[in-house]
């Protein structure tokens, strides 16, 4: 009888505790989240991640740890996340080139549109063309004039074939008729260092990368690779745009996006999306983005997912236009 009493008591306690057990099982995250960046350190993604991961940790209640996996124009790190367990603990910090353009240029063991769900787009930007201050070109027009007289003589560093800088070179060469000697690197950081060392003549850099070197006088900005100047940025407002020289479409707009494997449970994906939405009103985040001179142009993950297929098709047309003889 006593045994039966104890058995009933244990069962009753289990029933009472069951909601707590279920709640604990559903809680996310309960351990650190790995954020994969598919390039080497020193680029604009790396710089963004340093601030974002330190701030979003307080929102999620768990650390977000950066893992750099460069190679294959972003495809090594992208493929790593595509194959990762879809539990929300491995996510990708990418951009529209790696997500929607590069996968169309090679055979891959994954389908980028089907393999990922968007968490958020945080902003977009165009790059600046930079050179060492001791180089003879004062602006993009002078560089183009030199390149026309010396085809293939300018060493142009980029972050990977059909990455954002490579694509910008292709657009520029198509617009101007020049020929550049394109040299690949494993990210914007290594490409910048190659220019600083004198190994390469030019490269493209985002303003956070270029800023300290511009201020120190080590590099010169030849042009903002878009149709407008950076009038909002006191350090770059006086530099001409490619549009000023008559080449408004010789640039690539990079959209910085966070992605999760497509099979991530909806409730966990929601937690990640909500965290990035909350980030937008965080004062520390706003101060950080202002300190690196970058805008906040948030697009929720569900909304950005609707754009991806359309933009993928637009890149298909871009590839045809750029490679057409």
Protein backbone atom coordinates (compact mmCIF):
# COMPACT_ATOMS: atom_id res chain seq x y z
CA UNK A 1 0.00 0.00 0.00
CA UNK A 2 2.84 2.36 0.95
CA UNK A 3 4.58 1.49 -2.36
CA UNK A 4 1.39 2.35 -4.27
CA UNK A 5 1.13 5.65 -2.36
CA UNK A 6 4.71 6.60 -3.23
CA UNK A 7 4.17 5.65 -6.88
CA UNK A 8 1.08 7.84 -7.11
CA UNK A 9 2.94 10.69 -5.41
CA UNK A 10 5.84 10.44 -7.89
CA UNK A 11 3.47 10.39 -10.86
CA UNK A 12 1.64 13.42 -9.50
CA UNK A 13 4.89 15.32 -9.09
CA UNK A 14 5.90 14.46 -12.66
CA UNK A 15 2.59 15.74 -13.97
CA UNK A 16 3.02 19.02 -12.06
CA UNK A 17 6.61 19.37 -13.27
CA UNK A 18 5.83 18.46 -16.89
CA UNK A 19 5.09 22.01 -18.06
CA UNK A 20 8.43 23.20 -16.62
CA UNK A 21 10.30 20.35 -18.35
CA UNK A 22 8.61 21.17 -21.67
CA UNK A 23 9.32 24.85 -21.23
CA UNK A 24 13.00 24.14 -20.54
CA UNK A 25 13.20 21.96 -23.65
CA UNK A 26 11.69 24.74 -25.78
CA UNK A 27 13.96 27.47 -24.43
CA UNK A 28 16.36 28.88 -27.04
CA UNK A 29 19.20 29.59 -26.99
CA UNK A 30 20.73 27.66 -24.12
CA UNK A 31 24.32 27.74 -25.43
CA UNK A 32 26.52 30.01 -27.58
CA UNK A 33 25.57 30.65 -31.20
CA UNK A 34 28.26 30.36 -33.89
CA UNK A 35 28.26 33.19 -36.44
CA UNK A 36 30.12 32.16 -39.59
CA UNK A 37 31.70 34.89 -41.73
CA UNK A 38 32.96 33.47 -45.06
CA UNK A 39 36.01 35.75 -45.40
CA UNK A 40 39.21 36.55 -43.49
CA UNK A 41 39.48 39.17 -40.77
CA UNK A 42 39.78 42.85 -41.56
CA UNK A 43 36.83 43.34 -43.89
CA UNK A 44 33.63 45.28 -43.30
CA UNK A 45 31.71 42.15 -42.24
CA UNK A 46 34.32 41.38 -39.61
CA UNK A 47 34.13 44.97 -38.34
CA UNK A 48 30.32 44.92 -38.20
CA UNK A 49 30.35 41.57 -36.40
CA UNK A 50 32.64 42.78 -33.61
CA UNK A 51 30.09 45.31 -32.45
CA UNK A 52 26.93 43.35 -33.24
CA UNK A 53 27.95 40.15 -31.45
CA UNK A 54 28.93 41.98 -28.27
CA UNK A 55 25.58 43.78 -28.11
CA UNK A 56 23.16 41.07 -29.27
CA UNK A 57 24.55 38.73 -26.60
CA UNK A 58 22.59 40.70 -24.00
CA UNK A 59 19.40 40.38 -26.06
CA UNK A 60 19.72 36.63 -26.67
CA UNK A 61 21.13 35.77 -23.25
CA UNK A 62 23.91 33.71 -24.85
CA UNK A 63 27.19 34.66 -26.57
CA UNK A 64 27.45 34.87 -30.35
CA UNK A 65 30.90 33.65 -31.35
CA UNK A 66 32.48 34.58 -34.69
CA UNK A 67 33.97 31.83 -36.86
CA UNK A 68 35.91 32.97 -39.94
CA UNK A 69 35.80 30.49 -42.85
CA UNK A 70 37.30 32.16 -45.93
CA UNK A 71 37.67 30.64 -49.38
CA UNK A 72 35.84 30.08 -52.64
CA UNK A 73 34.53 33.67 -52.93
CA UNK A 74 32.52 33.12 -49.76
CA UNK A 75 31.29 29.65 -50.70
CA UNK A 76 33.37 27.67 -48.20
CA UNK A 77 31.76 29.35 -45.21
CA UNK A 78 28.36 29.49 -46.91
CA UNK A 79 28.50 25.76 -47.63
CA UNK A 80 29.53 25.05 -44.03
CA UNK A 81 26.36 26.71 -42.72
CA UNK A 82 24.20 25.14 -45.45
CA UNK A 83 25.26 21.71 -44.15
CA UNK A 84 25.12 22.63 -40.45
CA UNK A 85 22.51 21.17 -38.15
CA UNK A 86 19.45 23.43 -38.55
CA UNK A 87 18.97 24.09 -34.84
CA UNK A 88 19.62 27.84 -34.78
CA UNK A 89 23.07 27.50 -33.23
CA UNK A 90 25.00 28.03 -36.50
CA UNK A 91 24.12 31.06 -38.61
CA UNK A 92 25.75 33.00 -41.45
CA UNK A 93 26.71 36.65 -41.86
CA UNK A 94 26.59 37.08 -45.62
CA UNK A 95 25.73 39.57 -48.33
CA UNK A 96 23.61 39.51 -51.48
CA UNK A 97 26.60 38.70 -53.68
CA UNK A 98 27.53 35.55 -51.77
CA UNK A 99 23.88 34.61 -51.34
CA UNK A 100 22.41 35.40 -54.76
CA UNK A 101 25.19 36.01 -57.30
CA UNK A 102 28.22 33.79 -56.65
CA UNK A 103 26.15 30.56 -56.43
CA UNK A 104 25.10 31.14 -60.06
CA UNK A 105 28.69 31.08 -61.27
CA UNK A 106 29.77 27.59 -60.12
CA UNK A 107 28.61 24.09 -59.28
CA UNK A 108 27.75 23.83 -55.57
CA UNK A 109 26.41 21.03 -53.37
CA UNK A 110 23.63 23.31 -52.11
CA UNK A 111 20.99 25.66 -53.49
CA UNK A 112 21.37 29.06 -51.85
CA UNK A 113 17.72 30.04 -52.23
CA UNK A 114 16.49 26.75 -50.78
CA UNK A 115 19.23 26.25 -48.18
CA UNK A 116 18.70 29.41 -46.13
CA UNK A 117 16.10 31.55 -44.43
CA UNK A 118 16.75 35.24 -43.83
CA UNK A 119 17.10 36.46 -40.26
CA UNK A 120 17.57 40.13 -41.16
CA UNK A 121 19.14 42.57 -43.54
CA UNK A 122 20.92 45.18 -41.46
CA UNK A 123 22.09 47.67 -44.09
CA UNK A 124 23.50 48.19 -47.56
CA UNK A 125 26.38 50.21 -48.98
CA UNK A 126 28.60 50.77 -52.00
CA UNK A 127 32.37 50.60 -51.84
CA UNK A 128 35.11 53.13 -52.49
CA UNK A 129 37.97 52.59 -54.93
CA UNK A 130 41.23 53.18 -53.10
CA UNK A 131 44.92 53.36 -53.94
CA UNK A 132 48.09 54.09 -52.02
CA UNK A 133 48.77 57.78 -51.62
CA UNK A 134 52.05 57.56 -53.55
CA UNK A 135 50.35 56.30 -56.71
CA UNK A 136 50.01 58.76 -59.61
CA UNK A 137 46.21 58.66 -60.01
CA UNK A 138 44.29 61.39 -58.21
CA UNK A 139 40.82 60.13 -59.13
CA UNK A 140 38.94 57.46 -61.07
CA UNK A 141 39.07 59.39 -64.34
CA UNK A 142 42.88 59.57 -64.24
CA UNK A 143 43.11 55.85 -63.43
CA UNK A 144 40.83 54.99 -66.38
CA UNK A 145 42.93 57.17 -68.70
CA UNK A 146 46.10 55.38 -67.55
CA UNK A 147 44.48 51.96 -67.92
CA UNK A 148 43.43 52.72 -71.49
CA UNK A 149 47.05 53.51 -72.39
CA UNK A 150 48.39 50.55 -70.34
CA UNK A 151 45.90 47.67 -70.63
CA UNK A 152 46.35 44.97 -68.00
CA UNK A 153 49.12 46.86 -66.19
CA UNK A 154 47.10 47.90 -63.13
CA UNK A 155 46.97 45.23 -60.42
CA UNK A 156 43.43 45.26 -59.05
CA UNK A 157 42.88 43.26 -55.85
CA UNK A 158 39.48 41.78 -55.04
CA UNK A 159 37.82 39.57 -52.42
CA UNK A 160 37.02 36.59 -54.65
CA UNK A 161 35.67 35.80 -58.10
CA UNK A 162 32.16 37.26 -58.49
CA UNK A 163 32.33 38.72 -55.01
CA UNK A 164 31.28 42.36 -54.56
CA UNK A 165 34.61 43.91 -55.56
CA UNK A 166 35.15 41.54 -58.50
CA UNK A 167 31.66 42.33 -59.77
CA UNK A 168 32.34 46.06 -59.44
CA UNK A 169 35.51 45.67 -61.51
CA UNK A 170 33.54 43.85 -64.19
CA UNK A 171 30.92 46.61 -64.27
CA UNK A 172 33.63 49.27 -64.42
CA UNK A 173 35.54 47.54 -67.22
CA UNK A 174 32.35 47.12 -69.21
CA UNK A 175 31.39 50.77 -68.70
CA UNK A 176 34.82 52.22 -69.56
CA UNK A 177 36.38 49.66 -71.91
CA UNK A 178 39.53 49.29 -69.80
CA UNK A 179 41.34 46.07 -68.90
CA UNK A 180 42.63 45.44 -65.36
CA UNK A 181 44.79 42.64 -63.95
CA UNK A 182 42.42 41.13 -61.39
CA UNK A 183 44.09 39.53 -58.35
CA UNK A 184 42.01 37.43 -55.90
CA UNK A 185 42.29 37.56 -52.11
CA UNK A 186 40.38 35.82 -49.32
CA UNK A 187 38.35 38.84 -48.32
CA UNK A 188 38.39 42.61 -48.28
CA UNK A 189 40.88 42.75 -45.40
CA UNK A 190 43.67 40.91 -47.27
CA UNK A 191 42.91 42.95 -50.43
CA UNK A 192 43.30 46.18 -48.46
CA UNK A 193 46.58 45.00 -46.94
CA UNK A 194 47.87 44.16 -50.44
CA UNK A 195 47.31 47.78 -51.48
CA UNK A 196 48.91 49.16 -48.32
CA UNK A 197 51.98 46.98 -48.88
CA UNK A 198 52.26 48.02 -52.53
CA UNK A 199 51.55 44.52 -53.84
CA UNK A 200 48.39 45.73 -55.60
CA UNK A 201 47.63 49.12 -57.13
CA UNK A 202 43.94 49.42 -56.31
CA UNK A 203 41.11 47.70 -54.52
CA UNK A 204 37.63 48.45 -53.23
CA UNK A 205 36.91 49.04 -49.55
CA UNK A 206 33.91 49.94 -47.46
CA UNK A 207 34.19 53.18 -45.51
CA UNK A 208 34.82 51.50 -42.11
CA UNK A 209 37.89 49.75 -43.55
CA UNK A 210 39.19 52.76 -45.44
CA UNK A 211 38.54 55.47 -42.83
CA UNK A 212 41.61 55.12 -40.57
CA UNK A 213 43.96 54.87 -43.55
CA UNK A 214 42.38 57.86 -45.29
CA UNK A 215 42.72 59.93 -42.11
CA UNK A 216 46.34 58.82 -41.71
CA UNK A 217 47.10 59.76 -45.31
CA UNK A 218 48.14 56.25 -46.31
CA UNK A 219 45.50 55.77 -49.00
CA UNK A 220 43.60 57.95 -51.44
CA UNK A 221 39.96 57.50 -52.41
CA UNK A 222 39.62 57.61 -56.21
CA UNK A 223 35.83 57.40 -56.27
CA UNK A 224 32.70 56.26 -54.45
CA UNK A 225 31.42 53.44 -56.65
CA UNK A 226 27.85 54.60 -57.03
CA UNK A 227 25.87 57.41 -58.58
CA UNK A 228 26.04 59.68 -55.52
CA UNK A 229 28.66 61.02 -53.13
CA UNK A 230 28.73 60.14 -49.43
CA UNK A 231 27.43 63.57 -48.45
CA UNK A 232 26.35 62.26 -45.02
CA UNK A 233 29.90 61.23 -44.06
CA UNK A 234 32.27 64.07 -43.11
CA UNK A 235 35.35 61.97 -43.88
CA UNK A 236 34.18 61.03 -47.40
CA UNK A 237 31.75 63.77 -48.47
CA UNK A 238 34.25 65.51 -50.77
CA UNK A 239 35.24 62.44 -52.77
CA UNK A 240 33.64 62.16 -56.24
CA UNK A 241 31.31 59.35 -57.20
CA UNK A 242 31.63 57.15 -60.28
CA UNK A 243 28.48 58.95 -61.43
CA UNK A 244 30.37 62.27 -61.35
CA UNK A 245 32.65 60.86 -64.05
CA UNK A 246 29.80 59.53 -66.16
CA UNK A 247 29.73 55.90 -64.96
CA UNK A 248 26.79 55.80 -62.48
CA UNK A 249 26.20 52.04 -62.90
CA UNK A 250 29.81 50.95 -62.36
CA UNK A 251 29.15 49.84 -58.79
CA UNK A 252 27.70 47.04 -56.69
CA UNK A 253 25.32 47.64 -53.78
CA UNK A 254 26.23 45.25 -50.97
CA UNK A 255 23.36 44.17 -48.71
CA UNK A 256 24.59 42.74 -45.39
CA UNK A 257 22.34 39.87 -44.32
CA UNK A 258 22.13 37.27 -41.57
CA UNK A 259 20.92 33.82 -42.65
CA UNK A 260 19.98 30.57 -40.91
CA UNK A 261 19.79 27.05 -42.38
CA UNK A 262 16.37 26.55 -43.99
CA UNK A 263 15.36 23.72 -41.66
CA UNK A 264 15.70 25.84 -38.51
CA UNK A 265 12.53 25.40 -36.40
CA UNK A 266 10.17 28.36 -36.92
CA UNK A 267 10.08 29.20 -33.22
CA UNK A 268 13.89 29.42 -33.07
CA UNK A 269 14.07 31.43 -36.28
CA UNK A 270 11.56 33.82 -34.70
CA UNK A 271 13.80 34.24 -31.65
CA UNK A 272 16.71 35.18 -33.91
CA UNK A 273 14.60 37.53 -36.01
CA UNK A 274 13.14 39.19 -32.92
CA UNK A 275 16.64 39.67 -31.49
CA UNK A 276 17.80 41.55 -34.58
CA UNK A 277 14.61 43.62 -34.55
CA UNK A 278 15.29 44.60 -30.92
CA UNK A 279 18.87 45.42 -31.86
CA UNK A 280 17.64 48.30 -34.01
CA UNK A 281 16.39 50.25 -30.97
CA UNK A 282 19.44 49.46 -28.83
CA UNK A 283 21.40 52.63 -27.98
CA UNK A 284 24.75 50.83 -27.91
CA UNK A 285 24.09 49.42 -31.38
CA UNK A 286 23.16 52.85 -32.73
CA UNK A 287 26.34 54.35 -31.24
CA UNK A 288 28.46 51.55 -32.69
CA UNK A 289 27.03 51.91 -36.20
CA UNK A 290 27.54 55.67 -36.06
CA UNK A 291 31.13 55.17 -34.88
CA UNK A 292 31.99 53.12 -37.97
CA UNK A 293 30.11 55.49 -40.26
CA UNK A 294 27.55 52.94 -41.42
CA UNK A 295 23.77 53.35 -41.72
CA UNK A 296 21.11 51.11 -40.20
CA UNK A 297 18.68 50.02 -42.93
CA UNK A 298 16.86 47.13 -41.29
CA UNK A 299 14.66 44.75 -43.26
CA UNK A 300 12.96 41.92 -41.31
CA UNK A 301 13.88 38.39 -42.35
CA UNK A 302 10.44 37.40 -43.61
CA UNK A 303 10.31 40.49 -45.80
CA UNK A 304 13.84 40.02 -47.14
CA UNK A 305 13.07 36.41 -48.03
CA UNK A 306 10.45 37.73 -50.45
CA UNK A 307 13.10 39.82 -52.19
CA UNK A 308 15.74 37.13 -52.57
CA UNK A 309 14.24 35.24 -55.53
CA UNK A 310 13.63 38.50 -57.41
CA UNK A 311 17.17 39.72 -56.78
CA UNK A 312 18.56 36.31 -57.73
CA UNK A 313 16.89 36.69 -61.14
CA UNK A 314 18.26 40.23 -61.47
CA UNK A 315 21.78 38.90 -60.86
CA UNK A 316 21.19 36.31 -63.58
CA UNK A 317 20.62 39.18 -66.00
CA UNK A 318 23.62 41.08 -64.61
CA UNK A 319 25.90 38.11 -65.23
CA UNK A 320 24.68 37.89 -68.81
CA UNK A 321 25.24 41.62 -69.34
CA UNK A 322 28.72 41.68 -67.79
CA UNK A 323 30.02 38.58 -69.54
CA UNK A 324 28.44 39.33 -72.93
CA UNK A 325 31.10 40.14 -75.52
